[in-house]
Amino acid sequence: VVSGEMLEAAVEAIIKAAHTGKIGDGKIFV
């Protein structure tokens, strides 16, 4: 759980860290 102003940075950080480019990388729900 993050404050509204931290949302975009947190989502971007998760995408960059979890990305492999292969099927099954996952999903993010907000």
PDB file of all heavy atoms in Angstrom:
ATOM      1  N   VAL A   1       0.865  -1.180   0.000  1.00  0.00           N
ATOM      2  CA  VAL A   1       0.000   0.000   0.000  1.00  0.00           C
ATOM      3  C   VAL A   1       0.902   1.230   0.000  1.00  0.00           C
ATOM      4  O   VAL A   1       1.823   1.333   0.816  1.00  0.00           O
ATOM      5  CB  VAL A   1      -0.947   0.009   1.220  1.00  0.00           C
ATOM      6  CG1 VAL A   1      -1.781   1.278   1.249  1.00  0.00           C
ATOM      7  CG2 VAL A   1      -1.842  -1.216   1.201  1.00  0.00           C
ATOM      8  N   VAL A   2       0.639   2.130  -0.933  1.00  0.00           N
ATOM      9  CA  VAL A   2       1.465   3.344  -1.079  1.00  0.00           C
ATOM     10  C   VAL A   2       0.568   4.569  -1.143  1.00  0.00           C
ATOM     11  O   VAL A   2      -0.620   4.476  -1.430  1.00  0.00           O
ATOM     12  CB  VAL A   2       2.346   3.281  -2.350  1.00  0.00           C
ATOM     13  CG1 VAL A   2       3.327   2.127  -2.270  1.00  0.00           C
ATOM     14  CG2 VAL A   2       1.510   3.183  -3.603  1.00  0.00           C
ATOM     15  N   SER A   3       1.175   5.730  -0.911  1.00  0.00           N
ATOM     16  CA  SER A   3       0.439   6.981  -1.070  1.00  0.00           C
ATOM     17  C   SER A   3       0.217   7.223  -2.561  1.00  0.00           C
ATOM     18  O   SER A   3       0.929   6.666  -3.404  1.00  0.00           O
ATOM     19  CB  SER A   3       1.218   8.136  -0.452  1.00  0.00           C
ATOM     20  OG  SER A   3       2.467   8.270  -1.087  1.00  0.00           O
ATOM     21  N   GLY A   4      -0.748   8.048  -2.889  1.00  0.00           N
ATOM     22  CA  GLY A   4      -1.095   8.304  -4.283  1.00  0.00           C
ATOM     23  C   GLY A   4       0.068   8.799  -5.118  1.00  0.00           C
ATOM     24  O   GLY A   4       0.229   8.419  -6.277  1.00  0.00           O
ATOM     25  N   GLU A   5       0.924   9.645  -4.544  1.00  0.00           N
ATOM     26  CA  GLU A   5       2.048  10.195  -5.310  1.00  0.00           C
ATOM     27  C   GLU A   5       3.167   9.182  -5.539  1.00  0.00           C
ATOM     28  O   GLU A   5       4.000   9.366  -6.414  1.00  0.00           O
ATOM     29  CB  GLU A   5       2.598  11.476  -4.666  1.00  0.00           C
ATOM     30  CG  GLU A   5       3.074  11.345  -3.238  1.00  0.00           C
ATOM     31  CD  GLU A   5       1.996  11.658  -2.211  1.00  0.00           C
ATOM     32  OE1 GLU A   5       0.826  11.840  -2.572  1.00  0.00           O
ATOM     33  OE2 GLU A   5       2.357  11.691  -1.021  1.00  0.00           O
ATOM     34  N   MET A   6       3.188   8.106  -4.767  1.00  0.00           N
ATOM     35  CA  MET A   6       4.213   7.065  -4.935  1.00  0.00           C
ATOM     36  C   MET A   6       3.776   5.972  -5.907  1.00  0.00           C
ATOM     37  O   MET A   6       4.572   5.112  -6.275  1.00  0.00           O
ATOM     38  CB  MET A   6       4.548   6.416  -3.588  1.00  0.00           C
ATOM     39  CG  MET A   6       5.342   7.284  -2.640  1.00  0.00           C
ATOM     40  SD  MET A   6       6.984   7.644  -3.280  1.00  0.00           S
ATOM     41  CE  MET A   6       7.712   6.031  -3.338  1.00  0.00           C
ATOM     42  N   LEU A   7       2.522   5.989  -6.327  1.00  0.00           N
ATOM     43  CA  LEU A   7       1.958   4.895  -7.124  1.00  0.00           C
ATOM     44  C   LEU A   7       2.739   4.636  -8.404  1.00  0.00           C
ATOM     45  O   LEU A   7       3.174   3.514  -8.654  1.00  0.00           O
ATOM     46  CB  LEU A   7       0.486   5.172  -7.441  1.00  0.00           C
ATOM     47  CG  LEU A   7      -0.186   4.134  -8.340  1.00  0.00           C
ATOM     48  CD1 LEU A   7      -0.230   2.782  -7.651  1.00  0.00           C
ATOM     49  CD2 LEU A   7      -1.569   4.593  -8.731  1.00  0.00           C
ATOM     50  N   GLU A   8       2.912   5.654  -9.233  1.00  0.00           N
ATOM     51  CA  GLU A   8       3.560   5.463 -10.534  1.00  0.00           C
ATOM     52  C   GLU A   8       4.990   4.945 -10.383  1.00  0.00           C
ATOM     53  O   GLU A   8       5.415   4.048 -11.103  1.00  0.00           O
ATOM     54  CB  GLU A   8       3.535   6.749 -11.351  1.00  0.00           C
ATOM     55  CG  GLU A   8       2.149   7.132 -11.834  1.00  0.00           C
ATOM     56  CD  GLU A   8       1.484   6.044 -12.670  1.00  0.00           C
ATOM     57  OE1 GLU A   8       2.155   5.425 -13.521  1.00  0.00           O
ATOM     58  OE2 GLU A   8       0.286   5.805 -12.460  1.00  0.00           O
ATOM     59  N   ALA A   9       5.735   5.504  -9.432  1.00  0.00           N
ATOM     60  CA  ALA A   9       7.119   5.069  -9.222  1.00  0.00           C
ATOM     61  C   ALA A   9       7.174   3.617  -8.764  1.00  0.00           C
ATOM     62  O   ALA A   9       8.024   2.840  -9.219  1.00  0.00           O
ATOM     63  CB  ALA A   9       7.806   5.974  -8.198  1.00  0.00           C
ATOM     64  N   ALA A  10       6.253   3.237  -7.878  1.00  0.00           N
ATOM     65  CA  ALA A  10       6.227   1.863  -7.370  1.00  0.00           C
ATOM     66  C   ALA A  10       5.868   0.882  -8.482  1.00  0.00           C
ATOM     67  O   ALA A  10       6.500  -0.178  -8.616  1.00  0.00           O
ATOM     68  CB  ALA A  10       5.248   1.740  -6.209  1.00  0.00           C
ATOM     69  N   VAL A  11       4.879   1.218  -9.292  1.00  0.00           N
ATOM     70  CA  VAL A  11       4.469   0.337 -10.390  1.00  0.00           C
ATOM     71  C   VAL A  11       5.611   0.186 -11.393  1.00  0.00           C
ATOM     72  O   VAL A  11       5.920  -0.929 -11.835  1.00  0.00           O
ATOM     73  CB  VAL A  11       3.178   0.860 -11.071  1.00  0.00           C
ATOM     74  CG1 VAL A  11       2.919   0.139 -12.378  1.00  0.00           C
ATOM     75  CG2 VAL A  11       1.990   0.707 -10.134  1.00  0.00           C
ATOM     76  N   GLU A  12       6.260   1.280 -11.745  1.00  0.00           N
ATOM     77  CA  GLU A  12       7.397   1.219 -12.678  1.00  0.00           C
ATOM     78  C   GLU A  12       8.529   0.364 -12.120  1.00  0.00           C
ATOM     79  O   GLU A  12       9.155  -0.413 -12.855  1.00  0.00           O
ATOM     80  CB  GLU A  12       7.904   2.626 -13.002  1.00  0.00           C
ATOM     81  CG  GLU A  12       7.029   3.372 -13.971  1.00  0.00           C
ATOM     82  CD  GLU A  12       6.907   2.673 -15.317  1.00  0.00           C
ATOM     83  OE1 GLU A  12       7.924   2.206 -15.872  1.00  0.00           O
ATOM     84  OE2 GLU A  12       5.768   2.572 -15.812  1.00  0.00           O
ATOM     85  N   ALA A  13       8.806   0.495 -10.831  1.00  0.00           N
ATOM     86  CA  ALA A  13       9.869  -0.297 -10.200  1.00  0.00           C
ATOM     87  C   ALA A  13       9.548  -1.789 -10.264  1.00  0.00           C
ATOM     88  O   ALA A  13      10.431  -2.609 -10.553  1.00  0.00           O
ATOM     89  CB  ALA A  13      10.066   0.151  -8.749  1.00  0.00           C
ATOM     90  N   ILE A  14       8.299  -2.141 -10.020  1.00  0.00           N
ATOM     91  CA  ILE A  14       7.886  -3.548 -10.079  1.00  0.00           C
ATOM     92  C   ILE A  14       8.013  -4.071 -11.506  1.00  0.00           C
ATOM     93  O   ILE A  14       8.532  -5.170 -11.734  1.00  0.00           O
ATOM     94  CB  ILE A  14       6.456  -3.735  -9.544  1.00  0.00           C
ATOM     95  CG1 ILE A  14       6.410  -3.431  -8.056  1.00  0.00           C
ATOM     96  CG2 ILE A  14       5.958  -5.146  -9.819  1.00  0.00           C
ATOM     97  CD1 ILE A  14       5.006  -3.334  -7.477  1.00  0.00           C
ATOM     98  N   ILE A  15       7.556  -3.285 -12.479  1.00  0.00           N
ATOM     99  CA  ILE A  15       7.631  -3.715 -13.880  1.00  0.00           C
ATOM    100  C   ILE A  15       9.078  -3.963 -14.289  1.00  0.00           C
ATOM    101  O   ILE A  15       9.401  -5.003 -14.879  1.00  0.00           O
ATOM    102  CB  ILE A  15       6.973  -2.675 -14.808  1.00  0.00           C
ATOM    103  CG1 ILE A  15       5.457  -2.672 -14.602  1.00  0.00           C
ATOM    104  CG2 ILE A  15       7.309  -2.962 -16.268  1.00  0.00           C
ATOM    105  CD1 ILE A  15       4.739  -1.529 -15.296  1.00  0.00           C
ATOM    106  N   LYS A  16       9.964  -3.037 -13.967  1.00  0.00           N
ATOM    107  CA  LYS A  16      11.375  -3.192 -14.348  1.00  0.00           C
ATOM    108  C   LYS A  16      12.014  -4.394 -13.668  1.00  0.00           C
ATOM    109  O   LYS A  16      12.778  -5.131 -14.280  1.00  0.00           O
ATOM    110  CB  LYS A  16      12.161  -1.926 -14.013  1.00  0.00           C
ATOM    111  CG  LYS A  16      11.900  -0.798 -14.966  1.00  0.00           C
ATOM    112  CD  LYS A  16      12.732   0.425 -14.608  1.00  0.00           C
ATOM    113  CE  LYS A  16      12.405   1.582 -15.530  1.00  0.00           C
ATOM    114  NZ  LYS A  16      13.092   2.808 -15.120  1.00  0.00           N
ATOM    115  N   ALA A  17      11.699  -4.603 -12.391  1.00  0.00           N
ATOM    116  CA  ALA A  17      12.329  -5.688 -11.639  1.00  0.00           C
ATOM    117  C   ALA A  17      11.775  -7.060 -12.009  1.00  0.00           C
ATOM    118  O   ALA A  17      12.512  -8.047 -12.002  1.00  0.00           O
ATOM    119  CB  ALA A  17      12.157  -5.449 -10.141  1.00  0.00           C
ATOM    120  N   ALA A  18      10.491  -7.145 -12.355  1.00  0.00           N
ATOM    121  CA  ALA A  18       9.856  -8.446 -12.612  1.00  0.00           C
ATOM    122  C   ALA A  18       9.895  -8.855 -14.081  1.00  0.00           C
ATOM    123  O   ALA A  18       9.597  -9.993 -14.409  1.00  0.00           O
ATOM    124  CB  ALA A  18       8.417  -8.424 -12.124  1.00  0.00           C
ATOM    125  N   HIS A  19      10.285  -7.955 -14.957  1.00  0.00           N
ATOM    126  CA  HIS A  19      10.241  -8.213 -16.403  1.00  0.00           C
ATOM    127  C   HIS A  19      11.325  -9.204 -16.843  1.00  0.00           C
ATOM    128  O   HIS A  19      12.487  -9.048 -16.501  1.00  0.00           O
ATOM    129  CB  HIS A  19      10.419  -6.897 -17.156  1.00  0.00           C
ATOM    130  CG  HIS A  19      10.434  -7.059 -18.645  1.00  0.00           C
ATOM    131  ND1 HIS A  19       9.279  -7.221 -19.372  1.00  0.00           N
ATOM    132  CD2 HIS A  19      11.452  -7.118 -19.529  1.00  0.00           C
ATOM    133  CE1 HIS A  19       9.594  -7.347 -20.648  1.00  0.00           C
ATOM    134  NE2 HIS A  19      10.918  -7.295 -20.775  1.00  0.00           N
ATOM    135  N   THR A  20      10.903 -10.231 -17.599  1.00  0.00           N
ATOM    136  CA  THR A  20      11.864 -11.142 -18.232  1.00  0.00           C
ATOM    137  C   THR A  20      11.681 -11.136 -19.740  1.00  0.00           C
ATOM    138  O   THR A  20      12.554 -11.575 -20.469  1.00  0.00           O
ATOM    139  CB  THR A  20      11.692 -12.602 -17.744  1.00  0.00           C
ATOM    140  OG1 THR A  20      10.422 -13.092 -18.186  1.00  0.00           O
ATOM    141  CG2 THR A  20      11.813 -12.718 -16.245  1.00  0.00           C
ATOM    142  N   GLY A  21      10.514 -10.673 -20.200  1.00  0.00           N
ATOM    143  CA  GLY A  21      10.213 -10.679 -21.624  1.00  0.00           C
ATOM    144  C   GLY A  21       9.610 -11.987 -22.105  1.00  0.00           C
ATOM    145  O   GLY A  21       9.300 -12.139 -23.273  1.00  0.00           O
ATOM    146  N   LYS A  22       9.437 -12.931 -21.183  1.00  0.00           N
ATOM    147  CA  LYS A  22       8.872 -14.225 -21.544  1.00  0.00           C
ATOM    148  C   LYS A  22       7.443 -14.317 -21.033  1.00  0.00           C
ATOM    149  O   LYS A  22       7.052 -13.600 -20.116  1.00  0.00           O
ATOM    150  CB  LYS A  22       9.717 -15.351 -20.955  1.00  0.00           C
ATOM    151  CG  LYS A  22      11.131 -15.370 -21.511  1.00  0.00           C
ATOM    152  CD  LYS A  22      11.848 -16.632 -21.091  1.00  0.00           C
ATOM    153  CE  LYS A  22      13.172 -16.711 -21.822  1.00  0.00           C
ATOM    154  NZ  LYS A  22      14.300 -16.349 -21.013  1.00  0.00           N
ATOM    155  N   ILE A  23       6.684 -15.244 -21.597  1.00  0.00           N
ATOM    156  CA  ILE A  23       5.306 -15.446 -21.171  1.00  0.00           C
ATOM    157  C   ILE A  23       5.281 -15.825 -19.695  1.00  0.00           C
ATOM    158  O   ILE A  23       6.156 -16.529 -19.210  1.00  0.00           O
ATOM    159  CB  ILE A  23       4.614 -16.507 -22.063  1.00  0.00           C
ATOM    160  CG1 ILE A  23       3.123 -16.495 -21.841  1.00  0.00           C
ATOM    161  CG2 ILE A  23       5.211 -17.877 -21.845  1.00  0.00           C
ATOM    162  CD1 ILE A  23       2.348 -17.237 -22.917  1.00  0.00           C
ATOM    163  N   GLY A  24       4.283 -15.320 -18.976  1.00  0.00           N
ATOM    164  CA  GLY A  24       4.148 -15.642 -17.558  1.00  0.00           C
ATOM    165  C   GLY A  24       4.832 -14.664 -16.626  1.00  0.00           C
ATOM    166  O   GLY A  24       4.989 -14.947 -15.445  1.00  0.00           O
ATOM    167  N   ASP A  25       5.229 -13.484 -17.128  1.00  0.00           N
ATOM    168  CA  ASP A  25       5.865 -12.477 -16.266  1.00  0.00           C
ATOM    169  C   ASP A  25       4.942 -12.007 -15.152  1.00  0.00           C
ATOM    170  O   ASP A  25       5.412 -11.622 -14.095  1.00  0.00           O
ATOM    171  CB  ASP A  25       6.318 -11.267 -17.083  1.00  0.00           C
ATOM    172  CG  ASP A  25       7.730 -11.433 -17.624  1.00  0.00           C
ATOM    173  OD1 ASP A  25       8.386 -12.431 -17.281  1.00  0.00           O
ATOM    174  OD2 ASP A  25       8.174 -10.553 -18.388  1.00  0.00           O
ATOM    175  N   GLY A  26       3.637 -12.034 -15.373  1.00  0.00           N
ATOM    176  CA  GLY A  26       2.702 -11.686 -14.307  1.00  0.00           C
ATOM    177  C   GLY A  26       1.827 -10.503 -14.633  1.00  0.00           C
ATOM    178  O   GLY A  26       1.791 -10.013 -15.760  1.00  0.00           O
ATOM    179  N   LYS A  27       1.143 -10.029 -13.603  1.00  0.00           N
ATOM    180  CA  LYS A  27       0.225  -8.898 -13.731  1.00  0.00           C
ATOM    181  C   LYS A  27       0.320  -8.025 -12.496  1.00  0.00           C
ATOM    182  O   LYS A  27       0.723  -8.475 -11.422  1.00  0.00           O
ATOM    183  CB  LYS A  27      -1.214  -9.388 -13.874  1.00  0.00           C
ATOM    184  CG  LYS A  27      -1.517 -10.025 -15.197  1.00  0.00           C
ATOM    185  CD  LYS A  27      -2.990  -9.899 -15.522  1.00  0.00           C
ATOM    186  CE  LYS A  27      -3.284 -10.340 -16.927  1.00  0.00           C
ATOM    187  NZ  LYS A  27      -3.002 -11.717 -17.228  1.00  0.00           N
ATOM    188  N   ILE A  28      -0.094  -6.758 -12.672  1.00  0.00           N
ATOM    189  CA  ILE A  28      -0.172  -5.813 -11.555  1.00  0.00           C
ATOM    190  C   ILE A  28      -1.601  -5.294 -11.494  1.00  0.00           C
ATOM    191  O   ILE A  28      -2.160  -4.872 -12.506  1.00  0.00           O
ATOM    192  CB  ILE A  28       0.818  -4.654 -11.740  1.00  0.00           C
ATOM    193  CG1 ILE A  28       2.257  -5.180 -11.747  1.00  0.00           C
ATOM    194  CG2 ILE A  28       0.629  -3.611 -10.640  1.00  0.00           C
ATOM    195  CD1 ILE A  28       3.300  -4.131 -12.062  1.00  0.00           C
ATOM    196  N   PHE A  29      -2.175  -5.317 -10.295  1.00  0.00           N
ATOM    197  CA  PHE A  29      -3.516  -4.798 -10.062  1.00  0.00           C
ATOM    198  C   PHE A  29      -3.412  -3.634  -9.089  1.00  0.00           C
ATOM    199  O   PHE A  29      -2.714  -3.733  -8.078  1.00  0.00           O
ATOM    200  CB  PHE A  29      -4.430  -5.877  -9.463  1.00  0.00           C
ATOM    201  CG  PHE A  29      -4.502  -7.127 -10.289  1.00  0.00           C
ATOM    202  CD1 PHE A  29      -3.666  -8.208 -10.022  1.00  0.00           C
ATOM    203  CD2 PHE A  29      -5.395  -7.228 -11.336  1.00  0.00           C
ATOM    204  CE1 PHE A  29      -3.723  -9.364 -10.777  1.00  0.00           C
ATOM    205  CE2 PHE A  29      -5.465  -8.387 -12.106  1.00  0.00           C
ATOM    206  CZ  PHE A  29      -4.628  -9.451 -11.826  1.00  0.00           C
ATOM    207  N   VAL A  30      -4.110  -2.536  -9.373  1.00  0.00           N
ATOM    208  CA  VAL A  30      -4.090  -1.366  -8.501  1.00  0.00           C
ATOM    209  C   VAL A  30      -5.526  -1.082  -8.061  1.00  0.00           C
ATOM    210  O   VAL A  30      -6.431  -1.042  -8.889  1.00  0.00           O
ATOM    211  CB  VAL A  30      -3.514  -0.130  -9.227  1.00  0.00           C
ATOM    212  CG1 VAL A  30      -3.546   1.090  -8.323  1.00  0.00           C
ATOM    213  CG2 VAL A  30      -2.092  -0.405  -9.708  1.00  0.00           C
TER     214      VAL A  30
END
